[in-house]
Amino acid sequence: MLATTAVAAYEYYVMVRKAHKEYIKARDFVEDIVLSFNRELRRESEKFDSMIAKVEECNTTAESSHRKTENLEKKIIPFVDQINTLNQSYETITQAVTSAQTQATQNQTSLISSIFELETKLTNIEVNQQTLKTKISSFDEQIQNLAHSSHATQQRTEVILPPIPIKRDKALAALTLTEISVLEMLSKEGAKTAPEIKERVQLSREHTARLMKNLYEEGYLEREAGKIPFRYSIKKEMEALLQKVENPTTD
């Protein structure tokens, strides 16, 4: 009878030890997930560990330890609920971020396509401007040749023009209507400042200044740099070209 009691007591002890080990594993797992337990929870856990240690020495404390375990589980449940809520919030945020990234990628693709189209247009504009410069240079040479020819042959009263008149839309193809109107204004009315031109073309001050600077840099205008604001005047070669384009004559 004593041996049976001893064996039963040993088996019970083994079961208690296994339960203790399983509890330690469960406790470590819970501690890894719930890192934000407050000091009170840690104190309760320490008391619980102390109670488990006392179980090995005295079975009379088992009931008290069991009650404390139940209290601990009740305290863990709110944290588990909070973790579930946080997981749901995390999933919602992840979906929102993924959707935003997809939209951003689509916008970036659209922007890159627009930039590519703009670069293509700018390249075409540069090609047209270069073609116009070449034509203007050719016109300048023709005007100079005509001037030399008129001095060398003063007795001639007629100037032989090209058999096909130069068309305005081809000679000034790279210029906008506003730029052409500014050139015509300067040709007819003489030199003007950017503010004076601004009032006539109904553009902003910055737009007008940029327009005049571009015409000057492209070689259509001359600029008096003695004082500000600059006064712009049309080059004589360009003025002669405008007059010839606007008033073509035939033999």
C-alpha atoms as a PDB file:
ATOM      1  CA  MET A   1       0.000   0.000   0.000  1.00  0.00           C
ATOM      2  CA  LEU A   2       2.849   2.337   0.879  1.00  0.00           C
ATOM      3  CA  ALA A   3       4.637   1.506  -2.370  1.00  0.00           C
ATOM      4  CA  THR A   4       1.474   2.168  -4.352  1.00  0.00           C
ATOM      5  CA  THR A   5       1.048   5.484  -2.590  1.00  0.00           C
ATOM      6  CA  ALA A   6       4.682   6.352  -3.261  1.00  0.00           C
ATOM      7  CA  VAL A   7       4.340   5.451  -6.960  1.00  0.00           C
ATOM      8  CA  ALA A   8       1.151   7.491  -7.231  1.00  0.00           C
ATOM      9  CA  ALA A   9       2.821  10.376  -5.461  1.00  0.00           C
ATOM     10  CA  TYR A  10       5.800  10.158  -7.822  1.00  0.00           C
ATOM     11  CA  GLU A  11       3.559  10.054 -10.890  1.00  0.00           C
ATOM     12  CA  TYR A  12       1.661  13.012  -9.536  1.00  0.00           C
ATOM     13  CA  TYR A  13       4.947  14.804  -8.990  1.00  0.00           C
ATOM     14  CA  VAL A  14       6.004  14.012 -12.576  1.00  0.00           C
ATOM     15  CA  MET A  15       2.702  15.340 -13.860  1.00  0.00           C
ATOM     16  CA  VAL A  16       3.157  18.497 -11.803  1.00  0.00           C
ATOM     17  CA  ARG A  17       6.671  18.898 -13.219  1.00  0.00           C
ATOM     18  CA  LYS A  18       5.375  18.453 -16.788  1.00  0.00           C
ATOM     19  CA  ALA A  19       2.600  20.914 -16.106  1.00  0.00           C
ATOM     20  CA  HIS A  20       5.192  23.302 -14.750  1.00  0.00           C
ATOM     21  CA  LYS A  21       7.377  22.922 -17.866  1.00  0.00           C
ATOM     22  CA  GLU A  22       4.393  23.374 -20.177  1.00  0.00           C
ATOM     23  CA  TYR A  23       3.426  26.444 -18.254  1.00  0.00           C
ATOM     24  CA  ILE A  24       6.962  27.859 -18.545  1.00  0.00           C
ATOM     25  CA  LYS A  25       6.844  27.342 -22.343  1.00  0.00           C
ATOM     26  CA  ALA A  26       3.388  28.912 -22.573  1.00  0.00           C
ATOM     27  CA  ARG A  27       4.476  31.801 -20.404  1.00  0.00           C
ATOM     28  CA  ASP A  28       7.559  32.476 -22.558  1.00  0.00           C
ATOM     29  CA  PHE A  29       5.416  32.405 -25.716  1.00  0.00           C
ATOM     30  CA  VAL A  30       2.906  34.831 -24.233  1.00  0.00           C
ATOM     31  CA  GLU A  31       5.702  37.107 -23.003  1.00  0.00           C
ATOM     32  CA  ASP A  32       7.136  37.216 -26.562  1.00  0.00           C
ATOM     33  CA  ILE A  33       3.782  38.365 -27.935  1.00  0.00           C
ATOM     34  CA  VAL A  34       2.667  40.656 -25.119  1.00  0.00           C
ATOM     35  CA  LEU A  35       5.759  42.803 -24.428  1.00  0.00           C
ATOM     36  CA  SER A  36       3.771  45.645 -22.951  1.00  0.00           C
ATOM     37  CA  PHE A  37       2.621  43.990 -19.722  1.00  0.00           C
ATOM     38  CA  ASN A  38       2.644  46.539 -16.900  1.00  0.00           C
ATOM     39  CA  ARG A  39       4.486  46.222 -13.629  1.00  0.00           C
ATOM     40  CA  GLU A  40       1.502  44.811 -11.846  1.00  0.00           C
ATOM     41  CA  LEU A  41       1.261  41.961 -14.347  1.00  0.00           C
ATOM     42  CA  ARG A  42       4.965  41.201 -13.942  1.00  0.00           C
ATOM     43  CA  ARG A  43       4.575  41.154 -10.150  1.00  0.00           C
ATOM     44  CA  GLU A  44       1.647  38.768 -10.486  1.00  0.00           C
ATOM     45  CA  SER A  45       3.748  36.579 -12.790  1.00  0.00           C
ATOM     46  CA  GLU A  46       6.557  36.527 -10.237  1.00  0.00           C
ATOM     47  CA  LYS A  47       4.075  35.549  -7.518  1.00  0.00           C
ATOM     48  CA  PHE A  48       2.731  32.852  -9.796  1.00  0.00           C
ATOM     49  CA  ASP A  49       6.261  31.508 -10.374  1.00  0.00           C
ATOM     50  CA  SER A  50       6.772  31.518  -6.629  1.00  0.00           C
ATOM     51  CA  MET A  51       3.566  29.574  -6.154  1.00  0.00           C
ATOM     52  CA  ILE A  52       4.659  26.993  -8.729  1.00  0.00           C
ATOM     53  CA  ALA A  53       7.927  26.557  -6.847  1.00  0.00           C
ATOM     54  CA  LYS A  54       6.033  26.039  -3.622  1.00  0.00           C
ATOM     55  CA  VAL A  55       3.888  23.340  -5.256  1.00  0.00           C
ATOM     56  CA  GLU A  56       7.006  21.155  -5.339  1.00  0.00           C
ATOM     57  CA  GLU A  57       7.377  21.568  -1.582  1.00  0.00           C
ATOM     58  CA  CYS A  58       3.776  21.581  -0.447  1.00  0.00           C
ATOM     59  CA  ASN A  59       0.617  20.426  -2.191  1.00  0.00           C
ATOM     60  CA  THR A  60      -1.510  22.531   0.126  1.00  0.00           C
ATOM     61  CA  THR A  61      -0.753  25.653  -1.900  1.00  0.00           C
ATOM     62  CA  ALA A  62      -2.056  24.140  -5.178  1.00  0.00           C
ATOM     63  CA  GLU A  63      -5.541  25.572  -4.815  1.00  0.00           C
ATOM     64  CA  SER A  64      -4.203  29.073  -4.125  1.00  0.00           C
ATOM     65  CA  SER A  65      -1.889  28.830  -7.162  1.00  0.00           C
ATOM     66  CA  HIS A  66      -4.807  27.713  -9.293  1.00  0.00           C
ATOM     67  CA  ARG A  67      -6.818  30.774  -8.289  1.00  0.00           C
ATOM     68  CA  LYS A  68      -3.899  33.048  -9.092  1.00  0.00           C
ATOM     69  CA  THR A  69      -3.539  31.339 -12.490  1.00  0.00           C
ATOM     70  CA  GLU A  70      -7.170  32.044 -13.268  1.00  0.00           C
ATOM     71  CA  ASN A  71      -6.708  35.691 -12.292  1.00  0.00           C
ATOM     72  CA  LEU A  72      -3.654  35.906 -14.521  1.00  0.00           C
ATOM     73  CA  GLU A  73      -5.566  34.454 -17.451  1.00  0.00           C
ATOM     74  CA  LYS A  74      -8.332  36.985 -16.907  1.00  0.00           C
ATOM     75  CA  LYS A  75      -5.740  39.761 -17.087  1.00  0.00           C
ATOM     76  CA  ILE A  76      -4.207  38.307 -20.248  1.00  0.00           C
ATOM     77  CA  ILE A  77      -7.527  38.155 -22.123  1.00  0.00           C
ATOM     78  CA  PRO A  78      -7.821  41.978 -22.555  1.00  0.00           C
ATOM     79  CA  PHE A  79      -4.290  42.064 -23.946  1.00  0.00           C
ATOM     80  CA  VAL A  80      -5.126  39.297 -26.396  1.00  0.00           C
ATOM     81  CA  ASP A  81      -8.179  41.256 -27.525  1.00  0.00           C
ATOM     82  CA  GLN A  82      -6.007  44.338 -27.977  1.00  0.00           C
ATOM     83  CA  ILE A  83      -3.524  42.331 -30.049  1.00  0.00           C
ATOM     84  CA  ASN A  84      -6.334  41.073 -32.281  1.00  0.00           C
ATOM     85  CA  THR A  85      -7.586  44.621 -32.732  1.00  0.00           C
ATOM     86  CA  LEU A  86      -4.070  45.797 -33.585  1.00  0.00           C
ATOM     87  CA  ASN A  87      -3.715  42.988 -36.131  1.00  0.00           C
ATOM     88  CA  GLN A  88      -6.944  44.053 -37.823  1.00  0.00           C
ATOM     89  CA  SER A  89      -5.770  47.676 -37.866  1.00  0.00           C
ATOM     90  CA  TYR A  90      -2.437  46.578 -39.314  1.00  0.00           C
ATOM     91  CA  GLU A  91      -4.165  44.668 -42.122  1.00  0.00           C
ATOM     92  CA  THR A  92      -6.343  47.690 -42.919  1.00  0.00           C
ATOM     93  CA  ILE A  93      -3.316  50.006 -43.009  1.00  0.00           C
ATOM     94  CA  THR A  94      -1.374  47.528 -45.163  1.00  0.00           C
ATOM     95  CA  GLN A  95      -4.202  47.419 -47.702  1.00  0.00           C
ATOM     96  CA  ALA A  96      -4.383  51.228 -47.761  1.00  0.00           C
ATOM     97  CA  VAL A  97      -0.603  51.529 -48.257  1.00  0.00           C
ATOM     98  CA  THR A  98      -0.654  48.936 -51.038  1.00  0.00           C
ATOM     99  CA  SER A  99      -3.467  50.784 -52.800  1.00  0.00           C
ATOM    100  CA  ALA A 100      -1.592  54.094 -52.435  1.00  0.00           C
ATOM    101  CA  GLN A 101       1.602  52.558 -53.832  1.00  0.00           C
ATOM    102  CA  THR A 102      -0.311  51.157 -56.817  1.00  0.00           C
ATOM    103  CA  GLN A 103      -1.874  54.557 -57.509  1.00  0.00           C
ATOM    104  CA  ALA A 104       1.518  56.264 -57.146  1.00  0.00           C
ATOM    105  CA  THR A 105       3.054  53.807 -59.618  1.00  0.00           C
ATOM    106  CA  GLN A 106       0.299  54.495 -62.137  1.00  0.00           C
ATOM    107  CA  ASN A 107       0.723  58.262 -61.691  1.00  0.00           C
ATOM    108  CA  GLN A 108       4.488  57.930 -62.124  1.00  0.00           C
ATOM    109  CA  THR A 109       4.025  55.931 -65.316  1.00  0.00           C
ATOM    110  CA  SER A 110       1.633  58.556 -66.662  1.00  0.00           C
ATOM    111  CA  LEU A 111       4.064  61.343 -65.699  1.00  0.00           C
ATOM    112  CA  ILE A 112       6.975  59.600 -67.413  1.00  0.00           C
ATOM    113  CA  SER A 113       4.873  59.209 -70.560  1.00  0.00           C
ATOM    114  CA  SER A 114       3.938  62.901 -70.484  1.00  0.00           C
ATOM    115  CA  ILE A 115       7.582  63.908 -69.984  1.00  0.00           C
ATOM    116  CA  PHE A 116       8.615  61.725 -72.919  1.00  0.00           C
ATOM    117  CA  GLU A 117       5.984  63.353 -75.144  1.00  0.00           C
ATOM    118  CA  LEU A 118       7.123  66.796 -73.992  1.00  0.00           C
ATOM    119  CA  GLU A 119      10.757  65.955 -74.750  1.00  0.00           C
ATOM    120  CA  THR A 120       9.724  64.815 -78.209  1.00  0.00           C
ATOM    121  CA  LYS A 121       7.872  68.083 -78.811  1.00  0.00           C
ATOM    122  CA  LEU A 122      10.820  70.119 -77.528  1.00  0.00           C
ATOM    123  CA  THR A 123      13.135  68.207 -79.847  1.00  0.00           C
ATOM    124  CA  ASN A 124      10.850  68.994 -82.794  1.00  0.00           C
ATOM    125  CA  ILE A 125      10.773  72.667 -81.772  1.00  0.00           C
ATOM    126  CA  GLU A 126      14.581  72.773 -81.612  1.00  0.00           C
ATOM    127  CA  VAL A 127      14.787  71.192 -85.063  1.00  0.00           C
ATOM    128  CA  ASN A 128      12.310  73.779 -86.410  1.00  0.00           C
ATOM    129  CA  GLN A 129      14.274  76.610 -84.785  1.00  0.00           C
ATOM    130  CA  GLN A 130      17.517  75.336 -86.285  1.00  0.00           C
ATOM    131  CA  THR A 131      15.837  75.135 -89.685  1.00  0.00           C
ATOM    132  CA  LEU A 132      14.567  78.689 -89.255  1.00  0.00           C
ATOM    133  CA  LYS A 133      18.050  79.922 -88.306  1.00  0.00           C
ATOM    134  CA  THR A 134      19.422  78.307 -91.445  1.00  0.00           C
ATOM    135  CA  LYS A 135      16.712  79.981 -93.553  1.00  0.00           C
ATOM    136  CA  ILE A 136      17.335  83.359 -91.891  1.00  0.00           C
ATOM    137  CA  SER A 137      21.065  83.033 -92.559  1.00  0.00           C
ATOM    138  CA  SER A 138      20.260  82.250 -96.177  1.00  0.00           C
ATOM    139  CA  PHE A 139      17.959  85.286 -96.341  1.00  0.00           C
ATOM    140  CA  ASP A 140      20.677  87.462 -94.800  1.00  0.00           C
ATOM    141  CA  GLU A 141      23.115  86.314 -97.473  1.00  0.00           C
ATOM    142  CA  GLN A 142      20.543  87.039-100.188  1.00  0.00           C
ATOM    143  CA  ILE A 143      19.898  90.516 -98.757  1.00  0.00           C
ATOM    144  CA  GLN A 144      23.620  91.260 -98.575  1.00  0.00           C
ATOM    145  CA  ASN A 145      24.104  89.976-102.102  1.00  0.00           C
ATOM    146  CA  LEU A 146      21.223  92.178-103.273  1.00  0.00           C
ATOM    147  CA  ALA A 147      22.748  95.182-101.463  1.00  0.00           C
ATOM    148  CA  HIS A 148      26.157  94.597-103.066  1.00  0.00           C
ATOM    149  CA  SER A 149      24.529  94.026-106.407  1.00  0.00           C
ATOM    150  CA  SER A 150      22.583  97.308-106.140  1.00  0.00           C
ATOM    151  CA  HIS A 151      25.784  99.269-105.373  1.00  0.00           C
ATOM    152  CA  ALA A 152      27.666  97.599-108.178  1.00  0.00           C
ATOM    153  CA  THR A 153      24.892  98.154-110.712  1.00  0.00           C
ATOM    154  CA  GLN A 154      23.455 101.582-109.818  1.00  0.00           C
ATOM    155  CA  GLN A 155      22.264 102.114-113.371  1.00  0.00           C
ATOM    156  CA  ARG A 156      19.810  99.243-113.044  1.00  0.00           C
ATOM    157  CA  THR A 157      16.342 100.330-111.933  1.00  0.00           C
ATOM    158  CA  GLU A 158      14.858  96.919-111.401  1.00  0.00           C
ATOM    159  CA  VAL A 159      15.750  94.306-108.792  1.00  0.00           C
ATOM    160  CA  ILE A 160      15.345  90.739-109.909  1.00  0.00           C
ATOM    161  CA  LEU A 161      13.519  88.806-107.187  1.00  0.00           C
ATOM    162  CA  PRO A 162      13.188  85.035-106.957  1.00  0.00           C
ATOM    163  CA  PRO A 163      10.588  83.785-109.372  1.00  0.00           C
ATOM    164  CA  ILE A 164       8.633  82.191-106.511  1.00  0.00           C
ATOM    165  CA  PRO A 165       7.728  84.695-103.721  1.00  0.00           C
ATOM    166  CA  ILE A 166       8.669  83.722-100.170  1.00  0.00           C
ATOM    167  CA  LYS A 167       5.635  82.805 -98.156  1.00  0.00           C
ATOM    168  CA  ARG A 168       5.225  84.210 -94.663  1.00  0.00           C
ATOM    169  CA  ASP A 169       4.126  80.918 -93.078  1.00  0.00           C
ATOM    170  CA  LYS A 170       7.295  79.158 -94.268  1.00  0.00           C
ATOM    171  CA  ALA A 171       9.779  81.937 -93.400  1.00  0.00           C
ATOM    172  CA  LEU A 172       8.443  82.413 -89.870  1.00  0.00           C
ATOM    173  CA  ALA A 173       7.182  78.891 -89.187  1.00  0.00           C
ATOM    174  CA  ALA A 174       8.974  78.563 -85.842  1.00  0.00           C
ATOM    175  CA  LEU A 175       7.503  81.794 -84.392  1.00  0.00           C
ATOM    176  CA  THR A 176       4.208  82.110 -82.570  1.00  0.00           C
ATOM    177  CA  LEU A 177       1.555  84.653 -83.564  1.00  0.00           C
ATOM    178  CA  THR A 178       2.464  86.765 -80.512  1.00  0.00           C
ATOM    179  CA  GLU A 179       6.164  86.783 -81.452  1.00  0.00           C
ATOM    180  CA  ILE A 180       5.344  87.749 -85.030  1.00  0.00           C
ATOM    181  CA  SER A 181       3.064  90.574 -83.834  1.00  0.00           C
ATOM    182  CA  VAL A 182       5.884  91.891 -81.593  1.00  0.00           C
ATOM    183  CA  LEU A 183       8.326  91.853 -84.518  1.00  0.00           C
ATOM    184  CA  GLU A 184       5.821  93.711 -86.712  1.00  0.00           C
ATOM    185  CA  MET A 185       5.187  96.261 -83.943  1.00  0.00           C
ATOM    186  CA  LEU A 186       8.913  96.984 -83.541  1.00  0.00           C
ATOM    187  CA  SER A 187       9.332  97.145 -87.310  1.00  0.00           C
ATOM    188  CA  LYS A 188       6.557  99.749 -87.688  1.00  0.00           C
ATOM    189  CA  GLU A 189       6.861 101.738 -84.428  1.00  0.00           C
ATOM    190  CA  GLY A 190      10.552 101.488 -83.539  1.00  0.00           C
ATOM    191  CA  ALA A 191      12.348 100.415 -80.348  1.00  0.00           C
ATOM    192  CA  LYS A 192      10.314  99.672 -77.205  1.00  0.00           C
ATOM    193  CA  THR A 193      10.856  98.327 -73.702  1.00  0.00           C
ATOM    194  CA  ALA A 194       9.336  95.102 -72.384  1.00  0.00           C
ATOM    195  CA  PRO A 195       6.801  97.001 -70.179  1.00  0.00           C
ATOM    196  CA  GLU A 196       5.646  98.993 -73.229  1.00  0.00           C
ATOM    197  CA  ILE A 197       5.220  95.805 -75.230  1.00  0.00           C
ATOM    198  CA  LYS A 198       3.435  94.126 -72.307  1.00  0.00           C
ATOM    199  CA  GLU A 199       0.602  96.668 -72.478  1.00  0.00           C
ATOM    200  CA  ARG A 200       0.128  95.953 -76.191  1.00  0.00           C
ATOM    201  CA  VAL A 201       0.243  92.152 -76.201  1.00  0.00           C
ATOM    202  CA  GLN A 202      -1.749  91.708 -72.964  1.00  0.00           C
ATOM    203  CA  LEU A 203       0.701  89.276 -71.332  1.00  0.00           C
ATOM    204  CA  SER A 204       2.145  89.109 -67.822  1.00  0.00           C
ATOM    205  CA  ARG A 205       5.369  90.929 -67.019  1.00  0.00           C
ATOM    206  CA  GLU A 206       7.332  87.671 -66.629  1.00  0.00           C
ATOM    207  CA  HIS A 207       5.917  86.184 -69.842  1.00  0.00           C
ATOM    208  CA  THR A 208       6.702  89.329 -71.826  1.00  0.00           C
ATOM    209  CA  ALA A 209      10.263  89.555 -70.442  1.00  0.00           C
ATOM    210  CA  ARG A 210      10.871  85.906 -71.312  1.00  0.00           C
ATOM    211  CA  LEU A 211       9.428  86.384 -74.811  1.00  0.00           C
ATOM    212  CA  MET A 212      11.697  89.379 -75.517  1.00  0.00           C
ATOM    213  CA  LYS A 213      14.735  87.577 -74.143  1.00  0.00           C
ATOM    214  CA  ASN A 214      14.070  84.574 -76.391  1.00  0.00           C
ATOM    215  CA  LEU A 215      13.659  86.756 -79.490  1.00  0.00           C
ATOM    216  CA  TYR A 216      16.907  88.548 -78.614  1.00  0.00           C
ATOM    217  CA  GLU A 217      18.834  85.308 -78.021  1.00  0.00           C
ATOM    218  CA  GLU A 218      17.489  83.788 -81.242  1.00  0.00           C
ATOM    219  CA  GLY A 219      18.921  86.730 -83.211  1.00  0.00           C
ATOM    220  CA  TYR A 220      15.718  88.527 -84.214  1.00  0.00           C
ATOM    221  CA  LEU A 221      16.234  91.640 -82.072  1.00  0.00           C
ATOM    222  CA  GLU A 222      18.907  94.051 -80.899  1.00  0.00           C
ATOM    223  CA  ARG A 223      19.035  95.309 -77.312  1.00  0.00           C
ATOM    224  CA  GLU A 224      20.220  98.579 -75.821  1.00  0.00           C
ATOM    225  CA  ALA A 225      21.951  97.564 -72.599  1.00  0.00           C
ATOM    226  CA  GLY A 226      22.748 101.083 -71.372  1.00  0.00           C
ATOM    227  CA  LYS A 227      19.891 101.222 -68.875  1.00  0.00           C
ATOM    228  CA  ILE A 228      17.068  99.144 -67.457  1.00  0.00           C
ATOM    229  CA  PRO A 229      14.503  98.309 -68.709  1.00  0.00           C
ATOM    230  CA  PHE A 230      16.226  97.307 -71.926  1.00  0.00           C
ATOM    231  CA  ARG A 231      14.983  98.779 -75.174  1.00  0.00           C
ATOM    232  CA  TYR A 232      14.523  96.267 -77.969  1.00  0.00           C
ATOM    233  CA  SER A 233      14.617  97.002 -81.679  1.00  0.00           C
ATOM    234  CA  ILE A 234      14.246  94.687 -84.641  1.00  0.00           C
ATOM    235  CA  LYS A 235      17.355  93.852 -86.654  1.00  0.00           C
ATOM    236  CA  LYS A 236      17.477  95.491 -90.052  1.00  0.00           C
ATOM    237  CA  GLU A 237      17.857  92.137 -91.766  1.00  0.00           C
ATOM    238  CA  MET A 238      14.743  90.854 -90.043  1.00  0.00           C
ATOM    239  CA  GLU A 239      12.855  94.057 -90.798  1.00  0.00           C
ATOM    240  CA  ALA A 240      13.763  93.749 -94.486  1.00  0.00           C
ATOM    241  CA  LEU A 241      12.679  90.119 -94.419  1.00  0.00           C
ATOM    242  CA  LEU A 242       9.305  91.040 -92.895  1.00  0.00           C
ATOM    243  CA  GLN A 243       8.730  93.741 -95.489  1.00  0.00           C
ATOM    244  CA  LYS A 244       9.660  91.392 -98.317  1.00  0.00           C
ATOM    245  CA  VAL A 245       7.421  88.640 -96.926  1.00  0.00           C
ATOM    246  CA  GLU A 246       4.468  90.994 -96.414  1.00  0.00           C
ATOM    247  CA  ASN A 247       4.825  92.762 -99.789  1.00  0.00           C
ATOM    248  CA  PRO A 248       6.087  90.198-102.353  1.00  0.00           C
ATOM    249  CA  THR A 249       6.627  91.558-105.913  1.00  0.00           C
ATOM    250  CA  THR A 250       6.956  89.797-109.183  1.00  0.00           C
ATOM    251  CA  ASP A 251       8.840  90.617-112.381  1.00  0.00           C
END
